[in-house]
Amino acid sequence: MPKEFYPLCMNSETDMAVTNRNQLLPCCYIDNPPYLEEPTIKKLAESSDISKHNSLEDIINGHEWRRLYNKLKEASESKNTKDVPWPCVHSCTREQRREEWQK
């Protein structure tokens, strides 16, 4: 079956997550020690300390969040995930079900 990259955080299928380290993440799936060591995700988490910002909007409008959003958007459109952090690819790639093919 073909696999499809489908970023859940961009498709309203998951909510943002706040970790027990007081960091805002795009979703709970990447709050996993090996995932958090990936350089892009690590920078995103480090830039997302809620106690260091005036609002959540300040965090999601920051450089690291915009950078990840652009990578996810481009990959969604092009179907090329080479520039997407591997934790996102791993968490948001799914096999398509037969009924989805027929839409």
N, C-alpha and C. Protein backbone atom coordinates (compact mmCIF):
# COMPACT_ATOMS: atom_id res chain seq x y z
N MET A 1 0.84 -1.19 0.00
CA MET A 1 0.00 0.00 0.00
C MET A 1 0.87 1.25 0.00
N PRO A 2 0.49 2.27 -0.75
CA PRO A 2 1.26 3.50 -0.76
C PRO A 2 1.22 4.18 0.61
N LYS A 3 2.30 4.86 0.93
CA LYS A 3 2.36 5.61 2.18
C LYS A 3 2.25 7.09 1.86
N GLU A 4 1.64 7.82 2.75
CA GLU A 4 1.39 9.24 2.53
C GLU A 4 1.87 10.02 3.74
N PHE A 5 2.59 11.10 3.48
CA PHE A 5 2.97 12.01 4.56
C PHE A 5 1.80 12.95 4.80
N TYR A 6 1.30 12.94 6.01
CA TYR A 6 0.11 13.70 6.36
C TYR A 6 0.36 14.34 7.73
N PRO A 7 0.90 15.57 7.76
CA PRO A 7 1.21 16.20 9.05
C PRO A 7 -0.06 16.49 9.86
N LEU A 8 -0.23 15.75 10.91
CA LEU A 8 -1.42 15.86 11.74
C LEU A 8 -1.57 17.25 12.34
N CYS A 9 -0.46 17.88 12.69
CA CYS A 9 -0.53 19.21 13.31
C CYS A 9 -1.04 20.27 12.34
N MET A 10 -0.93 20.04 11.06
CA MET A 10 -1.38 21.01 10.06
C MET A 10 -2.78 20.70 9.56
N ASN A 11 -3.30 19.56 9.93
CA ASN A 11 -4.59 19.13 9.41
C ASN A 11 -5.65 19.00 10.50
N SER A 12 -5.44 19.71 11.59
CA SER A 12 -6.39 19.75 12.70
C SER A 12 -6.77 18.37 13.23
N GLU A 13 -5.85 17.42 13.14
CA GLU A 13 -6.12 16.09 13.65
C GLU A 13 -5.44 15.83 14.98
N THR A 14 -4.65 16.77 15.41
CA THR A 14 -4.01 16.68 16.73
C THR A 14 -3.82 18.10 17.25
N ASP A 15 -3.74 18.22 18.55
CA ASP A 15 -3.54 19.53 19.17
C ASP A 15 -2.09 19.69 19.58
N MET A 16 -1.71 20.93 19.82
CA MET A 16 -0.37 21.18 20.35
C MET A 16 -0.28 20.55 21.74
N ALA A 17 0.94 20.34 22.19
CA ALA A 17 1.16 19.70 23.48
C ALA A 17 2.08 20.57 24.33
N VAL A 18 1.82 20.56 25.62
CA VAL A 18 2.71 21.20 26.58
C VAL A 18 3.36 20.08 27.37
N THR A 19 4.67 20.06 27.39
CA THR A 19 5.40 18.99 28.06
C THR A 19 5.54 19.28 29.55
N ASN A 20 6.01 18.28 30.29
CA ASN A 20 6.28 18.49 31.72
C ASN A 20 7.55 19.33 31.93
N ARG A 21 8.21 19.70 30.84
CA ARG A 21 9.37 20.60 30.89
C ARG A 21 8.96 22.03 30.54
N ASN A 22 7.64 22.26 30.46
CA ASN A 22 7.08 23.59 30.19
C ASN A 22 7.37 24.06 28.76
N GLN A 23 7.43 23.14 27.82
CA GLN A 23 7.68 23.47 26.42
C GLN A 23 6.43 23.20 25.59
N LEU A 24 6.19 24.07 24.65
CA LEU A 24 5.10 23.88 23.70
C LEU A 24 5.65 23.13 22.50
N LEU A 25 4.97 22.07 22.09
CA LEU A 25 5.36 21.29 20.91
C LEU A 25 4.17 21.21 19.95
N PRO A 26 4.42 21.00 18.66
CA PRO A 26 3.33 20.92 17.70
C PRO A 26 2.35 19.77 17.98
N CYS A 27 2.85 18.70 18.61
CA CYS A 27 1.99 17.57 18.95
C CYS A 27 2.67 16.73 20.02
N CYS A 28 1.90 15.86 20.63
CA CYS A 28 2.46 15.01 21.69
C CYS A 28 3.33 13.89 21.14
N TYR A 29 3.17 13.54 19.87
CA TYR A 29 3.91 12.42 19.30
C TYR A 29 5.42 12.64 19.30
N ILE A 30 5.85 13.89 19.22
CA ILE A 30 7.30 14.13 19.17
C ILE A 30 7.91 14.36 20.55
N ASP A 31 7.09 14.28 21.59
CA ASP A 31 7.62 14.40 22.96
C ASP A 31 8.13 13.03 23.39
N ASN A 32 9.25 12.68 22.82
CA ASN A 32 9.84 11.35 22.97
C ASN A 32 11.36 11.57 22.96
N PRO A 33 12.10 11.06 23.96
CA PRO A 33 13.54 11.38 24.04
C PRO A 33 14.33 11.24 22.74
N PRO A 34 14.21 10.14 21.98
CA PRO A 34 15.00 10.09 20.73
C PRO A 34 14.56 11.15 19.72
N TYR A 35 13.27 11.44 19.67
CA TYR A 35 12.78 12.46 18.74
C TYR A 35 13.30 13.85 19.12
N LEU A 36 13.34 14.12 20.42
CA LEU A 36 13.76 15.43 20.89
C LEU A 36 15.26 15.69 20.68
N GLU A 37 16.01 14.67 20.31
CA GLU A 37 17.43 14.85 20.02
C GLU A 37 17.69 15.23 18.56
N GLU A 38 16.68 15.06 17.71
CA GLU A 38 16.83 15.46 16.30
C GLU A 38 17.04 16.97 16.29
N PRO A 39 18.05 17.49 15.57
CA PRO A 39 18.43 18.91 15.66
C PRO A 39 17.30 19.92 15.48
N THR A 40 16.45 19.75 14.49
CA THR A 40 15.37 20.71 14.26
C THR A 40 14.37 20.68 15.41
N ILE A 41 14.00 19.49 15.84
CA ILE A 41 13.04 19.35 16.94
C ILE A 41 13.65 19.86 18.25
N LYS A 42 14.94 19.61 18.44
CA LYS A 42 15.63 20.09 19.64
C LYS A 42 15.60 21.61 19.72
N LYS A 43 15.91 22.28 18.60
CA LYS A 43 15.89 23.74 18.57
C LYS A 43 14.47 24.26 18.79
N LEU A 44 13.51 23.59 18.19
CA LEU A 44 12.11 23.99 18.36
C LEU A 44 11.72 23.90 19.83
N ALA A 45 12.03 22.80 20.47
CA ALA A 45 11.69 22.61 21.89
C ALA A 45 12.40 23.65 22.76
N GLU A 46 13.67 23.88 22.49
CA GLU A 46 14.43 24.85 23.29
C GLU A 46 13.88 26.27 23.13
N SER A 47 13.33 26.58 21.98
CA SER A 47 12.79 27.93 21.74
C SER A 47 11.35 28.06 22.22
N SER A 48 10.80 27.00 22.77
CA SER A 48 9.38 26.96 23.10
C SER A 48 9.08 26.89 24.59
N ASP A 49 9.98 27.41 25.40
CA ASP A 49 9.76 27.42 26.85
C ASP A 49 8.68 28.47 27.16
N ILE A 50 7.56 28.01 27.65
CA ILE A 50 6.42 28.89 27.89
C ILE A 50 6.75 29.99 28.90
N SER A 51 7.57 29.69 29.89
CA SER A 51 7.88 30.69 30.92
C SER A 51 8.76 31.83 30.40
N LYS A 52 9.34 31.67 29.22
CA LYS A 52 10.22 32.71 28.66
C LYS A 52 9.52 33.58 27.61
N HIS A 53 8.22 33.37 27.39
CA HIS A 53 7.49 34.12 26.37
C HIS A 53 6.25 34.76 26.97
N ASN A 54 5.80 35.83 26.33
CA ASN A 54 4.60 36.53 26.80
C ASN A 54 3.32 35.78 26.46
N SER A 55 3.35 35.02 25.36
CA SER A 55 2.14 34.31 24.94
C SER A 55 2.52 33.11 24.08
N LEU A 56 1.58 32.21 23.92
CA LEU A 56 1.79 31.06 23.03
C LEU A 56 1.94 31.54 21.59
N GLU A 57 1.26 32.62 21.26
CA GLU A 57 1.37 33.19 19.93
C GLU A 57 2.81 33.63 19.63
N ASP A 58 3.49 34.17 20.63
CA ASP A 58 4.91 34.54 20.47
C ASP A 58 5.74 33.32 20.10
N ILE A 59 5.44 32.20 20.71
CA ILE A 59 6.19 30.97 20.43
C ILE A 59 5.93 30.50 19.01
N ILE A 60 4.66 30.37 18.64
CA ILE A 60 4.35 29.79 17.32
C ILE A 60 4.67 30.74 16.17
N ASN A 61 4.89 32.01 16.47
CA ASN A 61 5.33 32.95 15.44
C ASN A 61 6.84 33.11 15.40
N GLY A 62 7.54 32.34 16.25
CA GLY A 62 9.00 32.40 16.30
C GLY A 62 9.65 31.72 15.10
N HIS A 63 10.91 31.97 14.94
CA HIS A 63 11.69 31.47 13.79
C HIS A 63 11.62 29.94 13.66
N GLU A 64 11.86 29.21 14.74
CA GLU A 64 11.91 27.74 14.65
C GLU A 64 10.56 27.16 14.27
N TRP A 65 9.48 27.72 14.80
CA TRP A 65 8.15 27.22 14.46
C TRP A 65 7.81 27.54 13.00
N ARG A 66 8.12 28.74 12.53
CA ARG A 66 7.86 29.10 11.13
C ARG A 66 8.67 28.21 10.20
N ARG A 67 9.90 27.95 10.59
CA ARG A 67 10.78 27.10 9.77
C ARG A 67 10.20 25.68 9.64
N LEU A 68 9.77 25.09 10.76
CA LEU A 68 9.17 23.76 10.70
C LEU A 68 7.88 23.78 9.90
N TYR A 69 7.04 24.77 10.12
CA TYR A 69 5.78 24.88 9.38
C TYR A 69 6.04 24.92 7.87
N ASN A 70 7.02 25.71 7.45
CA ASN A 70 7.34 25.81 6.02
C ASN A 70 7.80 24.48 5.45
N LYS A 71 8.61 23.75 6.21
CA LYS A 71 9.08 22.44 5.76
C LYS A 71 7.91 21.46 5.63
N LEU A 72 7.03 21.48 6.61
CA LEU A 72 5.87 20.57 6.58
C LEU A 72 4.93 20.92 5.43
N LYS A 73 4.70 22.20 5.25
CA LYS A 73 3.80 22.64 4.16
C LYS A 73 4.37 22.25 2.80
N GLU A 74 5.65 22.51 2.60
CA GLU A 74 6.28 22.17 1.33
C GLU A 74 6.23 20.66 1.08
N ALA A 75 6.51 19.87 2.10
CA ALA A 75 6.47 18.41 1.95
C ALA A 75 5.07 17.92 1.68
N SER A 76 4.08 18.53 2.28
CA SER A 76 2.69 18.15 2.04
C SER A 76 2.30 18.38 0.59
N GLU A 77 2.77 19.47 0.04
CA GLU A 77 2.43 19.82 -1.34
C GLU A 77 3.25 19.02 -2.35
N SER A 78 4.52 18.84 -2.08
CA SER A 78 5.41 18.19 -3.04
C SER A 78 5.49 16.67 -2.87
N LYS A 79 5.05 16.18 -1.71
CA LYS A 79 5.16 14.76 -1.36
C LYS A 79 6.61 14.32 -1.20
N ASN A 80 7.51 15.28 -1.00
CA ASN A 80 8.92 15.00 -0.79
C ASN A 80 9.28 15.38 0.65
N THR A 81 9.63 14.40 1.46
CA THR A 81 9.89 14.65 2.88
C THR A 81 11.38 14.73 3.23
N LYS A 82 12.24 14.90 2.24
CA LYS A 82 13.68 14.88 2.51
C LYS A 82 14.13 15.97 3.48
N ASP A 83 13.44 17.11 3.55
CA ASP A 83 13.84 18.20 4.44
C ASP A 83 13.05 18.23 5.75
N VAL A 84 12.16 17.27 5.93
CA VAL A 84 11.32 17.22 7.13
C VAL A 84 12.06 16.42 8.20
N PRO A 85 12.04 16.89 9.45
CA PRO A 85 12.70 16.11 10.51
C PRO A 85 12.13 14.69 10.58
N TRP A 86 13.01 13.71 10.76
CA TRP A 86 12.56 12.32 10.73
C TRP A 86 11.50 12.00 11.77
N PRO A 87 11.48 12.64 12.96
CA PRO A 87 10.39 12.34 13.90
C PRO A 87 9.02 12.70 13.33
N CYS A 88 8.96 13.78 12.57
CA CYS A 88 7.69 14.17 11.95
C CYS A 88 7.30 13.18 10.86
N VAL A 89 8.27 12.78 10.06
CA VAL A 89 7.98 11.81 9.00
C VAL A 89 7.51 10.50 9.62
N HIS A 90 8.20 10.06 10.64
CA HIS A 90 7.85 8.80 11.29
C HIS A 90 6.46 8.86 11.93
N SER A 91 6.14 9.97 12.57
CA SER A 91 4.87 10.11 13.27
C SER A 91 3.69 10.37 12.34
N CYS A 92 3.95 10.97 11.19
CA CYS A 92 2.85 11.42 10.34
C CYS A 92 2.83 10.80 8.94
N THR A 93 3.43 9.64 8.79
CA THR A 93 3.32 8.93 7.53
C THR A 93 2.44 7.72 7.79
N ARG A 94 1.48 7.54 6.95
CA ARG A 94 0.52 6.45 7.16
C ARG A 94 0.26 5.72 5.86
N GLU A 95 -0.15 4.51 6.01
CA GLU A 95 -0.59 3.77 4.83
C GLU A 95 -2.00 4.19 4.52
N GLN A 96 -2.24 4.41 3.26
CA GLN A 96 -3.58 4.81 2.87
C GLN A 96 -4.50 3.59 2.87
N ARG A 97 -5.67 3.80 3.35
CA ARG A 97 -6.67 2.74 3.31
C ARG A 97 -7.38 2.78 1.97
N ARG A 98 -7.91 1.66 1.57
CA ARG A 98 -8.56 1.53 0.28
C ARG A 98 -9.64 2.61 0.07
N GLU A 99 -10.45 2.90 1.09
CA GLU A 99 -11.50 3.90 0.92
C GLU A 99 -10.96 5.30 0.69
N GLU A 100 -9.75 5.56 1.18
CA GLU A 100 -9.15 6.87 0.94
C GLU A 100 -8.69 7.01 -0.51
N TRP A 101 -8.31 5.92 -1.13
CA TRP A 101 -7.87 5.96 -2.52
C TRP A 101 -9.03 6.34 -3.44
N GLN A 102 -10.22 5.94 -3.05
CA GLN A 102 -11.36 6.09 -3.94
C GLN A 102 -12.05 7.45 -3.82
N LYS A 103 -11.50 8.35 -3.06
CA LYS A 103 -12.11 9.69 -2.91
C LYS A 103 -11.90 10.50 -4.15
